[in-house]
Amino acid sequence: MSAPSRDTLRRGWCPSTLKPMETGDGWLVRLHPPGACLTPAQLRRIAALAARHGNGLIEISARGNMQLRGVTADSHPELVATLLAERLVDEHEGDGPQRLTLVSPLAQLGCHSGASRSEEPGIHEYDGASGRAGPSGASCIQDGVHGFRAQACGLPRNDGLGDLIDALALAAAIEACGREIAGLPAKFAIVVDGGGESSLDAFAGDLRIVAIAPARVVIALADSLWFGPLPASEAAAVVAQAMARFAVRRARAPDCIRRMGDLAADELAALCDLPVAEAPVARPEPRRAGLFALGDSHAALVGLPFGRAEAAMLDRLAQAAERLGCPEIRLSPWRGLAFRGLSEGDATTLLERAATDGLITRDDDPRLSVQACAGAPACSRAQAPAMADAARLAQVLAPDLAAGLTLHVSGCVKSCARPAASDLTLVGEGGRYRVVIGGSARDSAVATLDLSALLTRLQPGQDLHARLIAAGRLSGPTK
């Protein structure tokens, strides 16, 4: 197997297994396990490969992707061959996205959707030749869905028994359609929200599907224009149609149109033939770690501090899950792992095991409110040790983080860990941090400080703490 080309290794590349990204500590290899799902034995195998072919550090990204760090030009070919041979990754050639969809790791297969088999996702397909959506085995229809008028979509009706649709099956159908569509950008993202308690409202997407009632969904483009409602069984075809139209439009100006949000409102509306709908009511923020009941079984949702753990630590956790008979592990966009199919007692035991290694097992852990990239020296672009400093900031700001403050510590303006705004964003610059309140890494800073000064001026009674209160990012007196 030949080494990746210089173009493949250029900074800013969206990495994959076949196309690693060059960093300060070697190559970063991103894995896409089939269906974002592993068994405990497979997780142990990946941990062993990370130790053998990399530096033993494993990360989970905010899109629920797994990453191995410290891979070299010499070790990469054997690593790839093993991953592919053992079917630990689902990789395809080309520059498009390796995985399109983001689904909750707690999405339930046995949801109370009320749908018959003929209404389940994936029955309707996309005709790439005609650019039209329609049911499998029938003539394709230009409209996609008929008979719905724009209407308000209230809070998803959920009695606590699970999702309103089978989000996992719908995501699989969308992935299958997406691989037939050329010209999608590598970072193209589709959020598939089953409408249960595990809301995905906080994650941005080019397309978003939200269940609003059993077997019924609405669809958003660029998180700004909403369409529907429609049967969940027709959603994959409608999404495929919108993706294909977007790819055609993007081909005319690829340097200017990178994501759906780059389109004007009228161009965006032209991607979908459904009636316009109102956005669903925002739902409560979900729990991101701890014990969860999933129908007749339970899940242990474990977070990795700032999305990173040592391979040996994950091997120990996977061993424990294996002994407890855990059948599956799903990658979490809250930068962790969901161990599913356990009894309540066994899930509790696994959480206790994870806690002994310093992993996140409680939703009130302040580290869950902090997004941080690898920083220096792991990243050659970073101008500050973001991850190390994030750990210190999480300790000092624990009361504020518990009260709802969100913190993003970025080693540089590239902002890999979180492109969106946070209550407090710190951007590495020459060993110090630009301080941005209520914005992203590219917004204007109110100060540029080293870590020591930051820790002092973020204390109650100090100026930066007062600025956060004045901006509505924290509660408390401004003076």
Protein backbone atom coordinates (compact mmCIF):
# COMPACT_ATOMS: atom_id res chain seq x y z
CA MET A 1 0.00 0.00 0.00
CA SER A 2 1.49 3.36 -1.01
CA ALA A 3 1.77 6.30 1.36
CA PRO A 4 -0.90 9.03 1.07
CA SER A 5 -0.06 11.87 -1.28
CA ARG A 6 1.02 15.30 -0.10
CA ASP A 7 -2.39 16.65 -1.18
CA THR A 8 -4.11 14.01 0.94
CA LEU A 9 -2.04 15.01 3.96
CA ARG A 10 -2.58 18.75 3.62
CA ARG A 11 -3.76 20.52 6.73
CA GLY A 12 -7.49 21.11 6.85
CA TRP A 13 -8.26 17.82 5.16
CA CYS A 14 -11.24 15.99 6.60
CA PRO A 15 -9.36 12.83 7.61
CA SER A 16 -10.41 9.23 7.25
CA THR A 17 -8.81 5.80 7.50
CA LEU A 18 -7.39 5.91 3.99
CA LYS A 19 -6.57 9.63 4.10
CA PRO A 20 -4.93 10.58 7.41
CA MET A 21 -4.23 14.14 8.47
CA GLU A 22 -0.76 15.34 9.42
CA THR A 23 -0.55 16.73 12.97
CA GLY A 24 2.17 17.64 15.44
CA ASP A 25 2.25 14.13 16.95
CA GLY A 26 2.09 12.17 13.69
CA TRP A 27 -0.86 11.25 11.52
CA LEU A 28 -4.44 11.40 12.74
CA VAL A 29 -6.46 8.46 11.39
CA ARG A 30 -10.24 8.79 11.66
CA LEU A 31 -12.27 5.59 11.87
CA HIS A 32 -15.87 5.11 10.79
CA PRO A 33 -17.07 1.80 12.24
CA PRO A 34 -20.05 0.34 10.37
CA GLY A 35 -23.17 2.04 11.70
CA ALA A 36 -21.06 3.83 14.36
CA CYS A 37 -21.36 0.60 16.35
CA LEU A 38 -18.79 -1.77 17.87
CA THR A 39 -18.75 -4.84 20.07
CA PRO A 40 -16.56 -4.85 23.19
CA ALA A 41 -14.17 -7.22 21.43
CA GLN A 42 -13.89 -4.81 18.49
CA LEU A 43 -13.21 -1.88 20.82
CA ARG A 44 -10.44 -3.90 22.46
CA ARG A 45 -8.99 -4.65 19.05
CA ILE A 46 -8.99 -0.98 18.06
CA ALA A 47 -7.32 -0.10 21.36
CA ALA A 48 -4.60 -2.65 20.63
CA LEU A 49 -4.10 -1.25 17.13
CA ALA A 50 -3.88 2.30 18.52
CA ALA A 51 -1.13 1.21 20.88
CA ARG A 52 0.74 -0.76 18.23
CA HIS A 53 0.51 1.60 15.27
CA GLY A 54 0.01 5.00 16.98
CA ASN A 55 0.85 6.71 20.23
CA GLY A 56 -1.94 5.01 22.15
CA LEU A 57 -4.30 8.00 22.25
CA ILE A 58 -7.88 7.54 21.05
CA GLU A 59 -10.34 10.38 20.53
CA ILE A 60 -14.04 10.63 19.82
CA SER A 61 -15.09 13.73 17.93
CA ALA A 62 -18.19 15.89 18.31
CA ARG A 63 -19.67 14.02 15.34
CA GLY A 64 -19.19 10.68 17.04
CA ASN A 65 -16.16 9.62 15.00
CA MET A 66 -13.22 7.71 16.48
CA GLN A 67 -9.66 8.94 15.89
CA LEU A 68 -6.26 7.35 16.44
CA ARG A 69 -3.30 9.67 16.98
CA GLY A 70 0.41 9.33 16.41
CA VAL A 71 0.24 7.00 13.41
CA THR A 72 3.34 7.08 11.18
CA ALA A 73 4.02 6.62 7.48
CA ASP A 74 5.55 3.24 8.28
CA SER A 75 2.71 2.02 10.52
CA HIS A 76 -0.22 3.33 8.49
CA PRO A 77 -0.34 0.66 5.73
CA GLU A 78 -0.53 -2.25 8.17
CA LEU A 79 -3.08 -0.40 10.31
CA VAL A 80 -5.35 0.20 7.29
CA ALA A 81 -5.01 -3.37 6.06
CA THR A 82 -6.01 -4.73 9.47
CA LEU A 83 -8.93 -2.35 9.92
CA LEU A 84 -10.34 -3.22 6.50
CA ALA A 85 -9.70 -6.96 6.76
CA GLU A 86 -11.42 -7.19 10.15
CA ARG A 87 -14.26 -4.90 9.02
CA LEU A 88 -13.65 -2.45 11.82
CA VAL A 89 -14.28 0.46 9.46
CA ASP A 90 -16.71 1.22 6.65
CA GLU A 91 -14.54 3.16 4.24
CA HIS A 92 -15.03 4.19 0.62
CA GLU A 93 -12.90 6.03 -1.92
CA GLY A 94 -13.57 9.59 -3.03
CA ASP A 95 -13.65 13.04 -1.49
CA GLY A 96 -17.22 12.93 -0.20
CA PRO A 97 -18.29 12.34 3.40
CA GLN A 98 -17.41 8.98 4.93
CA ARG A 99 -20.41 9.25 7.21
CA LEU A 100 -23.35 11.56 6.62
CA THR A 101 -25.63 11.00 9.58
CA LEU A 102 -25.52 11.82 13.26
CA VAL A 103 -27.86 9.77 15.47
CA SER A 104 -28.19 9.59 19.22
CA PRO A 105 -26.21 6.69 20.70
CA LEU A 106 -29.35 5.99 22.76
CA ALA A 107 -31.67 5.75 19.74
CA GLN A 108 -33.95 2.79 20.24
CA LEU A 109 -34.47 0.10 17.66
CA GLY A 110 -37.83 -0.84 19.16
CA CYS A 111 -39.31 2.63 19.15
CA HIS A 112 -43.05 3.17 19.58
CA SER A 113 -43.43 4.61 16.09
CA GLY A 114 -46.70 2.91 15.37
CA ALA A 115 -45.46 2.22 11.83
CA SER A 116 -46.15 -0.98 9.98
CA ARG A 117 -43.31 -2.72 8.16
CA SER A 118 -44.33 -1.06 4.90
CA GLU A 119 -44.01 2.36 6.56
CA GLU A 120 -40.54 1.86 7.99
CA PRO A 121 -37.58 3.95 6.74
CA GLY A 122 -35.72 2.69 3.74
CA ILE A 123 -38.74 1.41 1.79
CA HIS A 124 -38.73 4.53 -0.36
CA GLU A 125 -35.65 5.06 -2.48
CA TYR A 126 -34.00 7.74 -4.56
CA ASP A 127 -33.66 7.52 -8.32
CA GLY A 128 -30.28 9.09 -9.02
CA ALA A 129 -30.82 9.11 -12.77
CA SER A 130 -34.04 11.11 -12.71
CA GLY A 131 -33.34 13.15 -9.58
CA ARG A 132 -36.74 12.22 -8.19
CA ALA A 133 -37.93 10.58 -5.02
CA GLY A 134 -40.36 7.70 -4.93
CA PRO A 135 -41.21 4.32 -3.47
CA SER A 136 -39.10 1.30 -4.31
CA GLY A 137 -40.49 -0.60 -7.28
CA ALA A 138 -42.88 2.19 -8.27
CA SER A 139 -42.70 5.14 -10.62
CA CYS A 140 -40.79 8.03 -9.09
CA ILE A 141 -42.76 11.14 -8.25
CA GLN A 142 -41.50 14.67 -8.72
CA ASP A 143 -43.26 16.02 -5.62
CA GLY A 144 -41.94 13.45 -3.16
CA VAL A 145 -44.90 13.92 -0.78
CA HIS A 146 -48.37 15.35 -1.46
CA GLY A 147 -51.20 16.75 0.61
CA PHE A 148 -49.45 18.46 3.53
CA ARG A 149 -49.81 22.11 4.37
CA ALA A 150 -47.45 24.29 6.37
CA GLN A 151 -48.33 24.03 10.04
CA ALA A 152 -46.86 24.53 13.45
CA CYS A 153 -44.96 21.54 14.83
CA GLY A 154 -45.14 21.39 18.61
CA LEU A 155 -42.94 19.63 21.12
CA PRO A 156 -42.45 16.03 19.98
CA ARG A 157 -45.03 13.84 21.68
CA ASN A 158 -43.12 11.23 23.62
CA ASP A 159 -44.38 9.20 26.53
CA GLY A 160 -40.86 8.30 27.62
CA LEU A 161 -40.90 4.82 26.07
CA GLY A 162 -38.43 5.69 23.34
CA ASP A 163 -38.09 7.47 20.03
CA LEU A 164 -40.99 8.32 17.78
CA ILE A 165 -39.29 6.77 14.72
CA ASP A 166 -36.57 4.22 14.12
CA ALA A 167 -33.79 6.77 13.69
CA LEU A 168 -31.12 4.11 13.21
CA ALA A 169 -32.93 2.54 10.26
CA LEU A 170 -33.64 5.94 8.71
CA ALA A 171 -29.99 6.93 9.06
CA ALA A 172 -28.90 3.70 7.38
CA ALA A 173 -31.24 4.39 4.46
CA ILE A 174 -29.85 7.92 4.09
CA GLU A 175 -26.27 6.64 4.16
CA ALA A 176 -27.08 4.22 1.35
CA CYS A 177 -28.63 7.02 -0.75
CA GLY A 178 -25.77 9.41 -0.02
CA ARG A 179 -23.11 7.13 -1.41
CA GLU A 180 -24.78 7.33 -4.81
CA ILE A 181 -24.56 11.14 -4.90
CA ALA A 182 -21.28 12.66 -6.10
CA GLY A 183 -20.16 16.17 -5.24
CA LEU A 184 -21.11 16.41 -1.56
CA PRO A 185 -18.52 18.17 0.63
CA ALA A 186 -16.56 16.00 3.05
CA LYS A 187 -18.06 17.68 6.12
CA PHE A 188 -21.68 17.45 4.98
CA ALA A 189 -23.81 16.49 7.99
CA ILE A 190 -27.34 15.19 8.47
CA VAL A 191 -28.86 15.06 11.96
CA VAL A 192 -31.45 12.30 12.43
CA ASP A 193 -33.36 13.01 15.65
CA GLY A 194 -35.82 10.34 16.75
CA GLY A 195 -37.80 12.78 18.89
CA GLY A 196 -37.05 11.01 22.17
CA GLU A 197 -35.46 12.38 25.30
CA SER A 198 -31.98 12.38 23.74
CA SER A 199 -32.38 15.63 21.79
CA LEU A 200 -29.80 16.53 19.15
CA ASP A 201 -30.84 20.19 18.92
CA ALA A 202 -27.35 21.34 19.95
CA PHE A 203 -25.65 19.80 16.90
CA ALA A 204 -25.56 21.75 13.65
CA GLY A 205 -26.35 20.09 10.34
CA ASP A 206 -26.80 20.81 6.65
CA LEU A 207 -29.99 18.77 6.89
CA ARG A 208 -31.98 17.88 9.98
CA ILE A 209 -34.79 15.36 10.42
CA VAL A 210 -36.84 15.57 13.61
CA ALA A 211 -39.66 13.22 14.58
CA ILE A 212 -42.68 15.18 15.81
CA ALA A 213 -45.17 12.32 16.20
CA PRO A 214 -45.15 8.54 15.74
CA ALA A 215 -43.85 7.85 12.20
CA ARG A 216 -44.01 11.60 11.29
CA VAL A 217 -41.09 13.97 10.76
CA VAL A 218 -40.16 17.46 9.62
CA ILE A 219 -37.00 18.33 7.70
CA ALA A 220 -34.77 21.40 7.97
CA LEU A 221 -32.27 22.72 5.44
CA ALA A 222 -29.27 24.58 6.90
CA ASP A 223 -31.17 24.71 10.22
CA SER A 224 -33.15 27.62 8.82
CA LEU A 225 -35.92 26.42 6.47
CA TRP A 226 -38.30 23.70 7.65
CA PHE A 227 -40.48 21.48 5.48
CA GLY A 228 -43.17 18.85 6.06
CA PRO A 229 -44.56 17.14 7.93
CA LEU A 230 -44.23 13.82 6.10
CA PRO A 231 -44.19 10.10 6.86
CA ALA A 232 -40.84 8.89 8.17
CA SER A 233 -40.95 6.24 5.44
CA GLU A 234 -40.53 8.96 2.79
CA ALA A 235 -37.83 10.99 4.53
CA ALA A 236 -34.80 9.20 3.05
CA ALA A 237 -36.03 9.83 -0.50
CA VAL A 238 -36.76 13.51 0.18
CA VAL A 239 -33.34 13.97 1.79
CA ALA A 240 -31.64 12.25 -1.14
CA GLN A 241 -33.42 14.56 -3.55
CA ALA A 242 -32.28 17.63 -1.62
CA MET A 243 -28.69 16.34 -1.47
CA ALA A 244 -28.62 15.68 -5.21
CA ARG A 245 -29.95 19.14 -6.04
CA PHE A 246 -27.43 20.71 -3.68
CA ALA A 247 -24.57 18.78 -5.31
CA VAL A 248 -25.63 20.07 -8.73
CA ARG A 249 -25.81 23.66 -7.46
CA ARG A 250 -22.47 23.35 -5.66
CA ALA A 251 -20.76 22.05 -8.79
CA ARG A 252 -21.29 25.45 -10.41
CA ALA A 253 -19.32 27.27 -7.70
CA PRO A 254 -17.46 24.78 -5.49
CA ASP A 255 -15.16 27.42 -4.01
CA CYS A 256 -18.06 29.58 -2.88
CA ILE A 257 -20.58 26.93 -1.87
CA ARG A 258 -19.18 24.56 0.73
CA ARG A 259 -22.26 23.88 2.86
CA MET A 260 -26.02 24.34 2.52
CA GLY A 261 -25.80 27.44 4.68
CA ASP A 262 -23.87 29.18 1.89
CA LEU A 263 -26.97 29.23 -0.32
CA ALA A 264 -29.36 32.16 -0.50
CA ALA A 265 -32.82 31.56 0.97
CA ASP A 266 -34.49 31.12 -2.42
CA GLU A 267 -31.83 28.65 -3.58
CA LEU A 268 -32.22 26.73 -0.35
CA ALA A 269 -36.00 26.54 -0.75
CA ALA A 270 -35.56 25.14 -4.27
CA LEU A 271 -33.87 22.04 -2.88
CA CYS A 272 -37.10 20.66 -1.44
CA ASP A 273 -40.60 20.33 -2.95
CA LEU A 274 -42.43 19.92 0.36
CA PRO A 275 -44.59 22.62 1.94
CA VAL A 276 -42.90 24.99 4.34
CA ALA A 277 -43.39 24.21 8.03
CA GLU A 278 -42.63 25.94 11.29
CA ALA A 279 -39.67 24.76 13.34
CA PRO A 280 -40.39 22.33 16.17
CA VAL A 281 -40.31 23.75 19.66
CA ALA A 282 -36.86 23.45 21.20
CA ARG A 283 -36.61 20.53 23.60
CA PRO A 284 -34.83 20.29 26.96
CA GLU A 285 -31.12 19.59 26.84
CA PRO A 286 -30.47 15.86 27.20
CA ARG A 287 -28.36 14.09 29.77
CA ARG A 288 -24.98 13.33 28.25
CA ALA A 289 -23.61 10.70 30.64
CA GLY A 290 -24.81 8.20 33.21
CA LEU A 291 -27.39 5.41 33.45
CA PHE A 292 -30.25 5.24 30.92
CA ALA A 293 -33.26 2.95 30.65
CA LEU A 294 -33.84 1.73 27.08
CA GLY A 295 -37.03 -0.29 27.02
CA ASP A 296 -36.28 -3.65 28.64
CA SER A 297 -32.55 -2.96 29.04
CA HIS A 298 -30.19 -0.22 30.18
CA ALA A 299 -27.25 1.70 28.79
CA ALA A 300 -24.17 3.17 30.42
CA LEU A 301 -23.15 6.38 28.64
CA VAL A 302 -19.52 7.19 29.40
CA GLY A 303 -17.77 10.41 28.34
CA LEU A 304 -14.08 10.76 27.52
CA PRO A 305 -12.61 13.89 29.12
CA PHE A 306 -12.37 16.40 26.26
CA GLY A 307 -12.98 13.48 23.91
CA ARG A 308 -9.69 11.69 24.59
CA ALA A 309 -8.53 8.56 26.43
CA GLU A 310 -5.56 6.22 26.50
CA ALA A 311 -5.94 2.94 24.62
CA ALA A 312 -5.16 0.95 27.78
CA MET A 313 -7.99 2.70 29.62
CA LEU A 314 -10.53 1.87 26.90
CA ASP A 315 -9.24 -1.70 26.78
CA ARG A 316 -9.97 -2.10 30.50
CA LEU A 317 -13.44 -0.67 30.05
CA ALA A 318 -14.14 -2.91 27.05
CA GLN A 319 -12.94 -5.94 29.02
CA ALA A 320 -15.40 -5.09 31.79
CA ALA A 321 -18.22 -4.66 29.25
CA GLU A 322 -17.33 -7.99 27.66
CA ARG A 323 -17.50 -9.78 31.02
CA LEU A 324 -20.91 -8.22 31.66
CA GLY A 325 -22.24 -9.46 28.32
CA CYS A 326 -22.65 -6.06 26.65
CA PRO A 327 -23.75 -6.74 23.04
CA GLU A 328 -23.01 -3.34 21.46
CA ILE A 329 -21.25 -0.02 21.93
CA ARG A 330 -22.33 3.10 20.06
CA LEU A 331 -20.17 6.18 19.54
CA SER A 332 -21.57 9.30 21.16
CA PRO A 333 -21.45 12.88 19.81
CA TRP A 334 -21.01 13.91 23.44
CA ARG A 335 -17.53 12.50 22.88
CA GLY A 336 -18.01 9.18 24.56
CA LEU A 337 -19.34 5.65 24.33
CA ALA A 338 -22.77 4.17 25.00
CA PHE A 339 -22.65 0.58 26.29
CA ARG A 340 -26.10 -0.80 25.49
CA GLY A 341 -28.13 -3.91 26.20
CA LEU A 342 -27.18 -4.27 29.88
CA SER A 343 -29.20 -4.90 33.01
CA GLU A 344 -29.52 -1.95 35.38
CA GLY A 345 -27.08 -3.55 37.80
CA ASP A 346 -24.50 -4.33 35.15
CA ALA A 347 -24.74 -0.84 33.63
CA THR A 348 -24.18 0.63 37.09
CA THR A 349 -21.17 -1.63 37.61
CA LEU A 350 -19.69 -0.50 34.30
CA LEU A 351 -20.15 3.16 35.21
CA GLU A 352 -18.35 2.56 38.49
CA ARG A 353 -15.50 0.91 36.58
CA ALA A 354 -15.27 3.90 34.24
CA ALA A 355 -15.28 6.37 37.12
CA THR A 356 -12.23 4.72 38.69
CA ASP A 357 -10.26 5.61 35.55
CA GLY A 358 -11.38 9.23 35.64
CA LEU A 359 -13.88 8.94 32.80
CA ILE A 360 -17.11 10.95 32.83
CA THR A 361 -20.11 9.12 34.28
CA ARG A 362 -22.31 11.96 35.55
CA ASP A 363 -24.16 14.60 33.57
CA ASP A 364 -23.11 17.31 36.04
CA ASP A 365 -19.39 16.73 35.35
CA PRO A 366 -18.03 20.18 34.43
CA ARG A 367 -15.82 18.69 31.73
CA LEU A 368 -18.91 17.97 29.62
CA SER A 369 -19.44 21.72 29.19
CA VAL A 370 -15.92 22.23 27.81
CA GLN A 371 -14.91 21.67 24.18
CA ALA A 372 -11.17 21.55 23.55
CA CYS A 373 -8.95 20.50 20.67
CA ALA A 374 -5.69 18.61 21.10
CA GLY A 375 -3.69 21.84 21.17
CA ALA A 376 0.09 22.08 21.26
CA PRO A 377 2.26 20.09 20.94
CA ALA A 378 -0.06 17.42 19.45
CA CYS A 379 -1.27 19.80 16.73
CA SER A 380 1.34 21.64 14.68
CA ARG A 381 -1.10 24.48 13.99
CA ALA A 382 -1.91 25.13 17.65
CA GLN A 383 -0.46 28.17 19.37
CA ALA A 384 -1.39 27.09 22.91
CA PRO A 385 -1.76 23.80 24.86
CA ALA A 386 -5.55 23.86 24.61
CA MET A 387 -6.39 20.45 26.07
CA ALA A 388 -4.03 20.76 29.05
CA ASP A 389 -5.29 24.25 29.80
CA ALA A 390 -8.92 23.14 29.39
CA ALA A 391 -8.45 20.66 32.24
CA ARG A 392 -7.25 23.43 34.55
CA LEU A 393 -10.02 25.79 33.46
CA ALA A 394 -12.66 23.10 34.04
CA GLN A 395 -11.47 22.73 37.63
CA VAL A 396 -11.45 26.44 38.38
CA LEU A 397 -14.70 27.23 36.56
CA ALA A 398 -16.58 24.16 37.81
CA PRO A 399 -19.35 26.15 39.58
CA ASP A 400 -19.96 28.30 36.50
CA LEU A 401 -19.91 25.29 34.17
CA ALA A 402 -22.39 23.50 36.43
CA ALA A 403 -24.61 26.60 36.21
CA GLY A 404 -24.72 26.32 32.40
CA LEU A 405 -21.65 28.16 31.10
CA THR A 406 -20.22 26.68 27.90
CA LEU A 407 -16.48 26.94 27.28
CA HIS A 408 -14.48 26.32 24.10
CA VAL A 409 -10.67 26.23 24.28
CA SER A 410 -9.11 26.26 20.80
CA GLY A 411 -5.42 26.00 20.03
CA CYS A 412 -5.84 28.25 16.99
CA VAL A 413 -8.45 30.11 14.98
CA LYS A 414 -9.22 26.98 12.95
CA SER A 415 -11.57 25.92 15.76
CA CYS A 416 -11.70 22.17 15.08
CA ALA A 417 -13.41 21.19 18.33
CA ARG A 418 -16.35 23.58 17.94
CA PRO A 419 -16.91 25.91 14.97
CA ALA A 420 -20.05 27.40 16.56
CA ALA A 421 -20.28 30.04 19.28
CA SER A 422 -19.87 29.35 23.00
CA ASP A 423 -20.50 31.48 26.07
CA LEU A 424 -16.73 31.77 26.47
CA THR A 425 -14.30 31.00 23.65
CA LEU A 426 -10.53 31.06 24.15
CA VAL A 427 -8.37 31.08 21.01
CA GLY A 428 -4.67 30.31 21.16
CA GLU A 429 -2.40 33.04 19.83
CA GLY A 430 1.33 33.16 20.52
CA GLY A 431 1.10 31.15 23.74
CA ARG A 432 -1.77 33.23 25.10
CA TYR A 433 -5.53 33.24 24.48
CA ARG A 434 -7.82 35.68 22.75
CA VAL A 435 -10.95 35.95 24.93
CA VAL A 436 -14.27 35.96 23.06
CA ILE A 437 -17.55 36.28 24.95
CA GLY A 438 -20.67 34.89 23.31
CA GLY A 439 -19.00 34.13 20.01
CA SER A 440 -16.81 31.80 17.98
CA ALA A 441 -13.06 31.63 17.43
CA ARG A 442 -13.31 34.10 14.54
CA ASP A 443 -15.15 36.82 16.46
CA SER A 444 -13.64 39.88 18.13
CA ALA A 445 -11.83 39.41 21.41
CA VAL A 446 -12.20 41.52 24.53
CA ALA A 447 -8.68 40.70 25.72
CA THR A 448 -5.62 38.52 25.05
CA LEU A 449 -4.27 36.86 28.19
CA ASP A 450 -2.06 34.05 29.40
CA LEU A 451 -3.59 31.20 31.42
CA SER A 452 -2.63 32.66 34.79
CA ALA A 453 -4.30 35.99 34.08
CA LEU A 454 -7.34 34.20 32.67
CA LEU A 455 -7.80 32.13 35.80
CA THR A 456 -7.64 35.27 37.92
CA ARG A 457 -9.91 37.49 35.86
CA LEU A 458 -12.59 34.80 35.47
CA GLN A 459 -13.11 34.65 39.21
CA PRO A 460 -16.30 36.16 40.75
CA GLY A 461 -15.86 39.87 41.23
CA GLN A 462 -13.27 40.16 38.45
CA ASP A 463 -13.83 41.89 35.11
CA LEU A 464 -14.22 38.89 32.79
CA HIS A 465 -16.66 37.23 35.15
CA ALA A 466 -18.67 40.46 35.23
CA ARG A 467 -18.61 40.65 31.43
CA LEU A 468 -20.08 37.14 31.20
CA ILE A 469 -22.90 38.18 33.53
CA ALA A 470 -23.52 41.40 31.63
CA ALA A 471 -23.71 39.45 28.37
CA GLY A 472 -26.31 37.14 29.86
CA ARG A 473 -23.95 34.17 29.83
CA LEU A 474 -23.97 33.79 33.62
CA SER A 475 -26.43 34.77 36.31
CA GLY A 476 -25.42 37.07 39.13
CA PRO A 477 -24.73 40.71 39.97
CA THR A 478 -22.73 42.66 37.42
CA LYS A 479 -20.96 44.74 40.06
